[in-house]
Amino acid sequence: MKPQKCDHRIGYARVSTDTQTLYQYTDALKAAGCDFIYTDFATKATAPNRPGLQQARSKLKAGDTFVVLAIDRAFRSTMEGLLFLDGLHKEGIEFHSIYQNINTRTPEGRKWFIYSVADAEYEQAVISRRTKEKIAAAKRRGQHLGRPFKLSKRRTENAYRLFSVKGMDMHAIAKRYQVSALTIDRAFKRYRLL
């Protein structure tokens, strides 16, 4: 007796940062008929651990279809994308990208999949290079990128007065400003007060 086909559509969506939303992806996957949707929030496509993708992969059975909005939402590495696709096909699982709308069972579809995943990898490399160049340029100009400092220059100068004029202990100052003594020390050095 042949095992019955499941024919589930398993969706996967991912966003890279916590400033992005998943709504538009999950809505599109629901509209595409997905029975189950797995997500990764604030997770890079190159992250070694993507629990949502791993859960989606473990749910897939022969006869199912793995659905993504776009190939770059799942993969940013050509090799990973090809290995993932080959694994699906070996197990009798179909692949569907809503935006690319390609049939990866045909030579032409596989070619377009390879092009798309290679483009995603290239785009990731370009973004990374631009980010590094921006950070380097900002550092050369003495600018700070990233999370804001816990202590502004004015608050640091006030803290330094407590330290240098009033002789207050670094730990007491840290407690007053609700930061660690290490943060106070770094702020003093950043503004060349020590």
N, C-alpha and C. Protein backbone atom coordinates (compact mmCIF):
# COMPACT_ATOMS: atom_id res chain seq x y z
N MET A 1 0.84 -1.19 0.00
CA MET A 1 0.00 0.00 0.00
C MET A 1 0.88 1.25 0.00
N LYS A 2 0.63 2.15 -0.94
CA LYS A 2 1.43 3.37 -1.07
C LYS A 2 1.09 4.35 0.04
N PRO A 3 2.14 5.03 0.62
CA PRO A 3 1.82 6.05 1.62
C PRO A 3 1.06 7.21 0.96
N GLN A 4 0.09 7.74 1.68
CA GLN A 4 -0.72 8.83 1.14
C GLN A 4 0.09 10.11 1.12
N LYS A 5 -0.06 10.87 0.03
CA LYS A 5 0.64 12.15 -0.08
C LYS A 5 0.07 13.15 0.90
N CYS A 6 0.96 13.96 1.48
CA CYS A 6 0.51 14.98 2.44
C CYS A 6 0.00 16.22 1.71
N ASP A 7 0.75 16.62 0.72
CA ASP A 7 0.40 17.81 -0.07
C ASP A 7 0.19 19.07 0.76
N HIS A 8 0.99 19.25 1.79
CA HIS A 8 0.93 20.49 2.57
C HIS A 8 1.81 21.54 1.91
N ARG A 9 1.43 22.78 2.09
CA ARG A 9 2.26 23.90 1.66
C ARG A 9 2.83 24.53 2.92
N ILE A 10 4.15 24.42 3.08
CA ILE A 10 4.84 24.89 4.28
C ILE A 10 5.56 26.19 3.92
N GLY A 11 5.19 27.28 4.57
CA GLY A 11 5.78 28.58 4.27
C GLY A 11 6.88 28.96 5.24
N TYR A 12 7.80 29.76 4.73
CA TYR A 12 8.89 30.26 5.57
C TYR A 12 9.13 31.74 5.26
N ALA A 13 9.27 32.54 6.32
CA ALA A 13 9.56 33.96 6.17
C ALA A 13 10.63 34.37 7.16
N ARG A 14 11.43 35.37 6.78
CA ARG A 14 12.51 35.84 7.64
C ARG A 14 12.73 37.32 7.43
N VAL A 15 13.03 38.03 8.52
CA VAL A 15 13.49 39.41 8.42
C VAL A 15 14.81 39.52 9.18
N SER A 16 15.67 40.42 8.71
CA SER A 16 17.02 40.52 9.25
C SER A 16 17.12 41.32 10.53
N THR A 17 16.26 42.34 10.69
CA THR A 17 16.40 43.22 11.85
C THR A 17 15.08 43.34 12.60
N ASP A 18 15.17 43.83 13.84
CA ASP A 18 13.97 43.99 14.64
C ASP A 18 13.17 45.25 14.28
N THR A 19 13.65 46.00 13.29
CA THR A 19 12.89 47.17 12.82
C THR A 19 11.97 46.78 11.65
N GLN A 20 12.12 45.57 11.15
CA GLN A 20 11.29 45.09 10.05
C GLN A 20 10.11 44.30 10.60
N THR A 21 9.09 44.11 9.79
CA THR A 21 7.94 43.31 10.21
C THR A 21 7.79 42.09 9.31
N LEU A 22 7.12 41.10 9.86
CA LEU A 22 6.87 39.86 9.11
C LEU A 22 5.47 39.83 8.49
N TYR A 23 4.62 40.80 8.83
CA TYR A 23 3.22 40.75 8.39
C TYR A 23 3.06 40.56 6.90
N GLN A 24 3.78 41.38 6.12
CA GLN A 24 3.60 41.30 4.67
C GLN A 24 3.99 39.93 4.12
N TYR A 25 4.99 39.30 4.76
CA TYR A 25 5.43 37.98 4.31
C TYR A 25 4.42 36.91 4.70
N THR A 26 3.98 36.93 5.95
CA THR A 26 3.03 35.91 6.39
C THR A 26 1.68 36.06 5.67
N ASP A 27 1.27 37.30 5.40
CA ASP A 27 0.03 37.51 4.64
C ASP A 27 0.13 36.90 3.24
N ALA A 28 1.27 37.14 2.57
CA ALA A 28 1.47 36.61 1.22
C ALA A 28 1.54 35.08 1.23
N LEU A 29 2.16 34.52 2.26
CA LEU A 29 2.24 33.06 2.36
C LEU A 29 0.86 32.44 2.62
N LYS A 30 0.07 33.10 3.45
CA LYS A 30 -1.31 32.63 3.68
C LYS A 30 -2.11 32.69 2.39
N ALA A 31 -1.96 33.80 1.65
CA ALA A 31 -2.67 33.96 0.38
C ALA A 31 -2.23 32.91 -0.64
N ALA A 32 -1.00 32.41 -0.51
CA ALA A 32 -0.48 31.37 -1.42
C ALA A 32 -0.92 29.98 -0.97
N GLY A 33 -1.74 29.91 0.08
CA GLY A 33 -2.30 28.62 0.50
C GLY A 33 -1.45 27.82 1.46
N CYS A 34 -0.55 28.47 2.17
CA CYS A 34 0.30 27.74 3.12
C CYS A 34 -0.52 27.25 4.31
N ASP A 35 -0.34 25.98 4.65
CA ASP A 35 -1.02 25.37 5.80
C ASP A 35 -0.28 25.72 7.10
N PHE A 36 1.04 25.81 7.01
CA PHE A 36 1.88 26.12 8.17
C PHE A 36 2.89 27.18 7.73
N ILE A 37 3.18 28.12 8.63
CA ILE A 37 4.17 29.16 8.32
C ILE A 37 5.15 29.24 9.48
N TYR A 38 6.44 29.17 9.15
CA TYR A 38 7.50 29.28 10.14
C TYR A 38 8.29 30.55 9.85
N THR A 39 8.76 31.19 10.91
CA THR A 39 9.44 32.47 10.73
C THR A 39 10.71 32.56 11.56
N ASP A 40 11.61 33.43 11.10
CA ASP A 40 12.78 33.84 11.88
C ASP A 40 12.76 35.35 11.92
N PHE A 41 12.79 35.91 13.12
CA PHE A 41 12.71 37.35 13.32
C PHE A 41 14.07 37.88 13.73
N ALA A 42 14.49 38.98 13.10
CA ALA A 42 15.77 39.63 13.39
C ALA A 42 16.91 38.61 13.28
N THR A 43 16.90 37.87 12.17
CA THR A 43 17.89 36.82 11.93
C THR A 43 18.44 36.97 10.52
N LYS A 44 19.74 37.06 10.40
CA LYS A 44 20.36 37.17 9.08
C LYS A 44 20.24 35.83 8.34
N ALA A 45 20.15 35.89 7.02
CA ALA A 45 20.05 34.66 6.22
C ALA A 45 21.33 33.85 6.30
N THR A 46 22.43 34.49 6.68
CA THR A 46 23.70 33.77 6.80
C THR A 46 23.91 33.23 8.20
N ALA A 47 22.96 33.47 9.12
CA ALA A 47 23.11 32.98 10.50
C ALA A 47 23.14 31.46 10.50
N PRO A 48 24.06 30.86 11.26
CA PRO A 48 24.14 29.40 11.28
C PRO A 48 22.92 28.74 11.92
N ASN A 49 22.24 29.45 12.81
CA ASN A 49 21.09 28.89 13.50
C ASN A 49 19.85 29.70 13.17
N ARG A 50 18.98 29.11 12.35
CA ARG A 50 17.71 29.74 12.00
C ARG A 50 16.60 28.77 12.39
N PRO A 51 16.11 28.86 13.63
CA PRO A 51 15.14 27.88 14.12
C PRO A 51 13.90 27.75 13.26
N GLY A 52 13.39 28.87 12.73
CA GLY A 52 12.19 28.81 11.90
C GLY A 52 12.42 27.98 10.64
N LEU A 53 13.56 28.20 9.99
CA LEU A 53 13.88 27.43 8.78
C LEU A 53 14.06 25.95 9.12
N GLN A 54 14.71 25.68 10.24
CA GLN A 54 14.92 24.29 10.66
C GLN A 54 13.59 23.60 10.98
N GLN A 55 12.67 24.34 11.62
CA GLN A 55 11.35 23.77 11.92
C GLN A 55 10.57 23.50 10.63
N ALA A 56 10.62 24.45 9.70
CA ALA A 56 9.93 24.26 8.42
C ALA A 56 10.48 23.03 7.71
N ARG A 57 11.81 22.91 7.71
CA ARG A 57 12.46 21.79 7.01
C ARG A 57 12.06 20.46 7.64
N SER A 58 11.99 20.41 8.96
CA SER A 58 11.65 19.14 9.62
C SER A 58 10.18 18.77 9.42
N LYS A 59 9.33 19.75 9.16
CA LYS A 59 7.90 19.51 8.94
C LYS A 59 7.62 18.96 7.54
N LEU A 60 8.50 19.27 6.58
CA LEU A 60 8.28 18.90 5.17
C LEU A 60 8.39 17.39 4.95
N LYS A 61 7.41 16.86 4.23
CA LYS A 61 7.38 15.43 3.87
C LYS A 61 7.17 15.31 2.36
N ALA A 62 7.38 14.13 1.83
CA ALA A 62 7.17 13.88 0.40
C ALA A 62 5.78 14.33 0.00
N GLY A 63 5.71 15.05 -1.12
CA GLY A 63 4.44 15.55 -1.63
C GLY A 63 4.15 16.98 -1.18
N ASP A 64 4.88 17.47 -0.18
CA ASP A 64 4.69 18.84 0.31
C ASP A 64 5.40 19.83 -0.61
N THR A 65 5.09 21.10 -0.40
CA THR A 65 5.76 22.19 -1.13
C THR A 65 6.31 23.18 -0.12
N PHE A 66 7.58 23.52 -0.26
CA PHE A 66 8.22 24.54 0.57
C PHE A 66 8.04 25.88 -0.15
N VAL A 67 7.42 26.85 0.53
CA VAL A 67 7.06 28.12 -0.10
C VAL A 67 7.76 29.28 0.59
N VAL A 68 8.40 30.13 -0.22
CA VAL A 68 8.99 31.37 0.29
C VAL A 68 8.47 32.52 -0.57
N LEU A 69 8.51 33.71 -0.02
CA LEU A 69 8.08 34.88 -0.80
C LEU A 69 9.09 35.15 -1.91
N ALA A 70 10.38 35.10 -1.52
CA ALA A 70 11.47 35.30 -2.48
C ALA A 70 12.65 34.47 -2.02
N ILE A 71 13.47 34.04 -2.95
CA ILE A 71 14.60 33.17 -2.63
C ILE A 71 15.54 33.81 -1.62
N ASP A 72 15.76 35.13 -1.73
CA ASP A 72 16.71 35.77 -0.80
C ASP A 72 16.16 35.85 0.63
N ARG A 73 14.87 35.57 0.84
CA ARG A 73 14.32 35.53 2.20
C ARG A 73 14.73 34.24 2.90
N ALA A 74 15.17 33.24 2.13
CA ALA A 74 15.59 31.97 2.73
C ALA A 74 17.10 31.78 2.66
N PHE A 75 17.71 32.22 1.56
CA PHE A 75 19.13 31.90 1.35
C PHE A 75 19.92 33.13 0.95
N ARG A 76 21.16 33.24 1.45
CA ARG A 76 22.10 34.26 1.00
C ARG A 76 23.42 33.61 0.62
N SER A 77 23.37 32.32 0.43
CA SER A 77 24.56 31.57 0.01
C SER A 77 24.14 30.64 -1.12
N THR A 78 24.84 30.72 -2.23
CA THR A 78 24.53 29.88 -3.39
C THR A 78 24.62 28.41 -3.03
N MET A 79 25.70 28.05 -2.34
CA MET A 79 25.90 26.64 -1.99
C MET A 79 24.79 26.13 -1.06
N GLU A 80 24.45 26.93 -0.05
CA GLU A 80 23.39 26.51 0.87
C GLU A 80 22.07 26.34 0.13
N GLY A 81 21.74 27.29 -0.75
CA GLY A 81 20.50 27.22 -1.50
C GLY A 81 20.42 25.97 -2.36
N LEU A 82 21.53 25.66 -3.05
CA LEU A 82 21.54 24.48 -3.92
C LEU A 82 21.44 23.18 -3.12
N LEU A 83 22.16 23.11 -2.00
CA LEU A 83 22.09 21.90 -1.17
C LEU A 83 20.69 21.71 -0.58
N PHE A 84 20.10 22.82 -0.16
CA PHE A 84 18.75 22.77 0.40
C PHE A 84 17.76 22.29 -0.67
N LEU A 85 17.85 22.87 -1.87
CA LEU A 85 16.96 22.49 -2.97
C LEU A 85 17.15 21.03 -3.34
N ASP A 86 18.40 20.57 -3.45
CA ASP A 86 18.67 19.17 -3.78
C ASP A 86 18.07 18.24 -2.74
N GLY A 87 18.21 18.62 -1.45
CA GLY A 87 17.62 17.81 -0.37
C GLY A 87 16.12 17.70 -0.50
N LEU A 88 15.47 18.81 -0.84
CA LEU A 88 14.01 18.79 -1.03
C LEU A 88 13.63 17.84 -2.16
N HIS A 89 14.29 18.02 -3.30
CA HIS A 89 13.95 17.21 -4.47
C HIS A 89 14.18 15.72 -4.22
N LYS A 90 15.25 15.37 -3.52
CA LYS A 90 15.54 13.95 -3.23
C LYS A 90 14.45 13.33 -2.39
N GLU A 91 13.78 14.16 -1.56
CA GLU A 91 12.72 13.65 -0.69
C GLU A 91 11.33 13.82 -1.30
N GLY A 92 11.26 14.26 -2.56
CA GLY A 92 9.97 14.41 -3.23
C GLY A 92 9.21 15.64 -2.77
N ILE A 93 9.93 16.67 -2.36
CA ILE A 93 9.32 17.92 -1.89
C ILE A 93 9.52 18.98 -2.96
N GLU A 94 8.46 19.71 -3.26
CA GLU A 94 8.54 20.77 -4.26
C GLU A 94 9.00 22.07 -3.61
N PHE A 95 9.51 22.99 -4.43
CA PHE A 95 9.94 24.30 -3.98
C PHE A 95 9.16 25.35 -4.77
N HIS A 96 8.67 26.38 -4.07
CA HIS A 96 7.95 27.46 -4.75
C HIS A 96 8.35 28.80 -4.16
N SER A 97 8.80 29.70 -5.01
CA SER A 97 9.07 31.09 -4.64
C SER A 97 7.98 31.93 -5.27
N ILE A 98 7.23 32.66 -4.45
CA ILE A 98 6.10 33.44 -4.95
C ILE A 98 6.57 34.48 -5.96
N TYR A 99 7.61 35.24 -5.62
CA TYR A 99 8.07 36.30 -6.53
C TYR A 99 8.72 35.76 -7.80
N GLN A 100 9.61 34.78 -7.65
CA GLN A 100 10.30 34.26 -8.83
C GLN A 100 9.42 33.32 -9.64
N ASN A 101 8.47 32.63 -9.00
CA ASN A 101 7.52 31.74 -9.67
C ASN A 101 8.20 30.83 -10.69
N ILE A 102 9.14 30.04 -10.20
CA ILE A 102 9.89 29.14 -11.09
C ILE A 102 9.64 27.69 -10.69
N ASN A 103 9.72 26.81 -11.67
CA ASN A 103 9.60 25.38 -11.43
C ASN A 103 11.02 24.81 -11.39
N THR A 104 11.50 24.51 -10.18
CA THR A 104 12.89 24.07 -10.02
C THR A 104 13.11 22.63 -10.47
N ARG A 105 12.05 21.96 -10.96
CA ARG A 105 12.20 20.60 -11.50
C ARG A 105 12.65 20.63 -12.96
N THR A 106 12.52 21.78 -13.60
CA THR A 106 12.96 21.88 -15.00
C THR A 106 14.38 22.45 -15.04
N PRO A 107 15.14 22.15 -16.10
CA PRO A 107 16.49 22.72 -16.21
C PRO A 107 16.46 24.25 -16.19
N GLU A 108 15.46 24.84 -16.85
CA GLU A 108 15.36 26.30 -16.90
C GLU A 108 15.05 26.87 -15.51
N GLY A 109 14.14 26.21 -14.81
CA GLY A 109 13.78 26.65 -13.47
C GLY A 109 14.95 26.55 -12.51
N ARG A 110 15.71 25.45 -12.61
CA ARG A 110 16.89 25.28 -11.74
C ARG A 110 17.92 26.36 -12.06
N LYS A 111 18.08 26.67 -13.37
CA LYS A 111 19.02 27.73 -13.77
C LYS A 111 18.61 29.05 -13.13
N TRP A 112 17.33 29.38 -13.17
CA TRP A 112 16.87 30.65 -12.59
C TRP A 112 16.99 30.65 -11.08
N PHE A 113 16.81 29.49 -10.47
CA PHE A 113 17.01 29.38 -9.02
C PHE A 113 18.47 29.68 -8.69
N ILE A 114 19.39 29.07 -9.45
CA ILE A 114 20.82 29.29 -9.22
C ILE A 114 21.16 30.77 -9.40
N TYR A 115 20.65 31.39 -10.45
CA TYR A 115 20.90 32.81 -10.67
C TYR A 115 20.36 33.65 -9.51
N SER A 116 19.15 33.32 -9.06
CA SER A 116 18.53 34.10 -7.99
C SER A 116 19.29 33.98 -6.68
N VAL A 117 19.69 32.77 -6.33
CA VAL A 117 20.41 32.58 -5.07
C VAL A 117 21.82 33.18 -5.17
N ALA A 118 22.43 33.12 -6.35
CA ALA A 118 23.74 33.75 -6.55
C ALA A 118 23.61 35.27 -6.44
N ASP A 119 22.54 35.83 -6.99
CA ASP A 119 22.28 37.27 -6.86
C ASP A 119 22.10 37.66 -5.40
N ALA A 120 21.39 36.82 -4.63
CA ALA A 120 21.17 37.10 -3.21
C ALA A 120 22.50 37.10 -2.46
N GLU A 121 23.38 36.14 -2.80
CA GLU A 121 24.69 36.09 -2.15
C GLU A 121 25.51 37.33 -2.51
N TYR A 122 25.47 37.71 -3.78
CA TYR A 122 26.20 38.90 -4.23
C TYR A 122 25.67 40.15 -3.53
N GLU A 123 24.34 40.28 -3.45
CA GLU A 123 23.74 41.44 -2.79
C GLU A 123 24.17 41.53 -1.33
N GLN A 124 24.21 40.38 -0.64
CA GLN A 124 24.65 40.34 0.76
C GLN A 124 26.11 40.80 0.87
N ALA A 125 26.96 40.35 -0.04
CA ALA A 125 28.37 40.74 -0.01
C ALA A 125 28.53 42.24 -0.25
N VAL A 126 27.76 42.79 -1.17
CA VAL A 126 27.83 44.23 -1.47
C VAL A 126 27.35 45.05 -0.27
N ILE A 127 26.25 44.62 0.35
CA ILE A 127 25.74 45.31 1.54
C ILE A 127 26.79 45.30 2.64
N SER A 128 27.41 44.15 2.84
CA SER A 128 28.45 44.01 3.86
C SER A 128 29.63 44.94 3.58
N ARG A 129 30.06 44.98 2.32
CA ARG A 129 31.18 45.86 1.95
C ARG A 129 30.83 47.32 2.18
N ARG A 130 29.64 47.73 1.76
CA ARG A 130 29.22 49.12 1.95
C ARG A 130 29.16 49.49 3.43
N THR A 131 28.65 48.58 4.23
CA THR A 131 28.54 48.83 5.67
C THR A 131 29.92 49.01 6.29
N LYS A 132 30.85 48.14 5.91
CA LYS A 132 32.22 48.25 6.44
C LYS A 132 32.87 49.55 6.00
N GLU A 133 32.65 49.95 4.74
CA GLU A 133 33.22 51.21 4.24
C GLU A 133 32.61 52.40 4.98
N LYS A 134 31.32 52.35 5.25
CA LYS A 134 30.65 53.44 5.98
C LYS A 134 31.18 53.56 7.39
N ILE A 135 31.35 52.42 8.05
CA ILE A 135 31.88 52.43 9.43
C ILE A 135 33.30 52.97 9.45
N ALA A 136 34.13 52.53 8.50
CA ALA A 136 35.52 53.01 8.44
C ALA A 136 35.57 54.51 8.19
N ALA A 137 34.74 55.02 7.27
CA ALA A 137 34.70 56.45 6.97
C ALA A 137 34.24 57.25 8.19
N ALA A 138 33.23 56.73 8.90
CA ALA A 138 32.74 57.42 10.09
C ALA A 138 33.81 57.46 11.18
N LYS A 139 34.52 56.35 11.35
CA LYS A 139 35.59 56.31 12.37
C LYS A 139 36.69 57.30 12.04
N ARG A 140 37.04 57.42 10.76
CA ARG A 140 38.08 58.39 10.37
C ARG A 140 37.66 59.82 10.72
N ARG A 141 36.36 60.06 10.74
CA ARG A 141 35.83 61.39 11.06
C ARG A 141 35.50 61.54 12.54
N GLY A 142 35.78 60.51 13.32
CA GLY A 142 35.51 60.56 14.74
C GLY A 142 34.05 60.38 15.10
N GLN A 143 33.24 59.88 14.16
CA GLN A 143 31.82 59.68 14.41
C GLN A 143 31.60 58.30 15.03
N HIS A 144 30.55 58.22 15.80
CA HIS A 144 30.18 56.94 16.43
C HIS A 144 28.98 56.36 15.69
N LEU A 145 29.09 55.11 15.26
CA LEU A 145 27.97 54.39 14.66
C LEU A 145 27.58 53.25 15.60
N GLY A 146 26.35 52.87 15.54
CA GLY A 146 25.89 51.80 16.42
C GLY A 146 24.99 52.35 17.50
N ARG A 147 24.86 51.56 18.56
CA ARG A 147 23.99 52.00 19.66
C ARG A 147 24.53 53.28 20.28
N PRO A 148 23.64 54.16 20.71
CA PRO A 148 24.12 55.40 21.35
C PRO A 148 24.83 55.08 22.66
N PHE A 149 25.76 55.94 23.01
CA PHE A 149 26.45 55.77 24.28
C PHE A 149 25.47 55.96 25.43
N LYS A 150 25.70 55.26 26.52
CA LYS A 150 24.81 55.37 27.68
C LYS A 150 24.93 56.73 28.34
N LEU A 151 26.08 57.36 28.20
CA LEU A 151 26.29 58.68 28.80
C LEU A 151 26.64 59.69 27.72
N SER A 152 25.87 60.76 27.67
CA SER A 152 26.19 61.84 26.72
C SER A 152 27.45 62.57 27.19
N LYS A 153 27.96 63.44 26.35
CA LYS A 153 29.15 64.19 26.72
C LYS A 153 28.87 65.05 27.95
N ARG A 154 27.70 65.71 27.99
CA ARG A 154 27.35 66.57 29.12
C ARG A 154 27.26 65.78 30.42
N ARG A 155 26.60 64.64 30.36
CA ARG A 155 26.47 63.81 31.57
C ARG A 155 27.83 63.27 32.00
N THR A 156 28.68 62.96 31.03
CA THR A 156 30.02 62.47 31.35
C THR A 156 30.83 63.56 32.04
N GLU A 157 30.73 64.79 31.53
CA GLU A 157 31.45 65.91 32.16
C GLU A 157 30.95 66.17 33.57
N ASN A 158 29.63 66.05 33.79
CA ASN A 158 29.08 66.20 35.14
C ASN A 158 29.59 65.09 36.06
N ALA A 159 29.62 63.89 35.54
CA ALA A 159 30.13 62.76 36.32
C ALA A 159 31.61 62.96 36.66
N TYR A 160 32.35 63.50 35.69
CA TYR A 160 33.79 63.73 35.92
C TYR A 160 34.00 64.79 37.01
N ARG A 161 33.14 65.81 37.06
CA ARG A 161 33.24 66.82 38.13
C ARG A 161 33.03 66.18 39.51
N LEU A 162 32.07 65.25 39.56
CA LEU A 162 31.85 64.54 40.83
C LEU A 162 33.10 63.75 41.23
N PHE A 163 33.77 63.21 40.24
CA PHE A 163 34.97 62.40 40.48
C PHE A 163 36.17 63.27 40.83
N SER A 164 36.44 64.29 40.01
CA SER A 164 37.67 65.07 40.17
C SER A 164 37.57 66.18 41.22
N VAL A 165 36.41 66.83 41.31
CA VAL A 165 36.27 67.95 42.23
C VAL A 165 35.76 67.48 43.60
N LYS A 166 34.71 66.67 43.58
CA LYS A 166 34.10 66.24 44.84
C LYS A 166 34.72 64.97 45.40
N GLY A 167 35.58 64.32 44.58
CA GLY A 167 36.27 63.11 45.06
C GLY A 167 35.36 61.91 45.24
N MET A 168 34.26 61.89 44.52
CA MET A 168 33.32 60.77 44.64
C MET A 168 33.91 59.52 44.00
N ASP A 169 33.65 58.41 44.61
CA ASP A 169 34.12 57.09 44.14
C ASP A 169 33.43 56.74 42.80
N MET A 170 34.17 56.09 41.91
CA MET A 170 33.67 55.72 40.58
C MET A 170 32.40 54.86 40.69
N HIS A 171 32.36 53.94 41.67
CA HIS A 171 31.20 53.07 41.83
C HIS A 171 29.98 53.86 42.29
N ALA A 172 30.18 54.85 43.14
CA ALA A 172 29.08 55.70 43.61
C ALA A 172 28.53 56.53 42.44
N ILE A 173 29.43 57.02 41.58
CA ILE A 173 29.01 57.79 40.41
C ILE A 173 28.20 56.88 39.47
N ALA A 174 28.70 55.68 39.27
CA ALA A 174 28.03 54.72 38.40
C ALA A 174 26.62 54.42 38.91
N LYS A 175 26.50 54.27 40.23
CA LYS A 175 25.20 53.99 40.83
C LYS A 175 24.25 55.17 40.61
N ARG A 176 24.77 56.37 40.76
CA ARG A 176 23.95 57.58 40.56
C ARG A 176 23.43 57.66 39.13
N TYR A 177 24.26 57.29 38.15
CA TYR A 177 23.88 57.38 36.73
C TYR A 177 23.27 56.08 36.19
N GLN A 178 23.14 55.09 37.08
CA GLN A 178 22.54 53.79 36.74
C GLN A 178 23.26 53.11 35.58
N VAL A 179 24.58 53.11 35.68
CA VAL A 179 25.43 52.41 34.71
C VAL A 179 26.51 51.69 35.51
N SER A 180 27.35 50.95 34.82
CA SER A 180 28.46 50.27 35.52
C SER A 180 29.64 51.22 35.66
N ALA A 181 30.53 50.89 36.58
CA ALA A 181 31.76 51.69 36.76
C ALA A 181 32.61 51.64 35.49
N LEU A 182 32.56 50.50 34.80
CA LEU A 182 33.30 50.36 33.54
C LEU A 182 32.78 51.34 32.49
N THR A 183 31.45 51.53 32.45
CA THR A 183 30.85 52.50 31.51
C THR A 183 31.33 53.91 31.83
N ILE A 184 31.40 54.24 33.12
CA ILE A 184 31.90 55.56 33.54
C ILE A 184 33.35 55.73 33.10
N ASP A 185 34.16 54.71 33.36
CA ASP A 185 35.58 54.76 32.99
C ASP A 185 35.75 54.94 31.48
N ARG A 186 34.98 54.18 30.69
CA ARG A 186 35.07 54.29 29.23
C ARG A 186 34.63 55.67 28.75
N ALA A 187 33.58 56.21 29.37
CA ALA A 187 33.10 57.54 28.98
C ALA A 187 34.16 58.60 29.27
N PHE A 188 34.82 58.50 30.42
CA PHE A 188 35.90 59.43 30.75
C PHE A 188 37.01 59.36 29.70
N LYS A 189 37.38 58.15 29.34
CA LYS A 189 38.47 57.99 28.34
C LYS A 189 38.03 58.44 26.95
N ARG A 190 36.76 58.17 26.60
CA ARG A 190 36.26 58.56 25.28
C ARG A 190 36.36 60.07 25.09
N TYR A 191 36.04 60.82 26.13
CA TYR A 191 36.09 62.28 26.05
C TYR A 191 37.41 62.86 26.59
N ARG A 192 38.40 61.96 26.74
CA ARG A 192 39.76 62.33 27.14
C ARG A 192 39.79 63.11 28.45
N LEU A 193 39.00 62.65 29.39
CA LEU A 193 38.98 63.26 30.71
C LEU A 193 39.93 62.56 31.66
N LEU A 194 40.33 61.35 31.33
CA LEU A 194 41.31 60.61 32.14
C LEU A 194 42.59 60.44 31.37
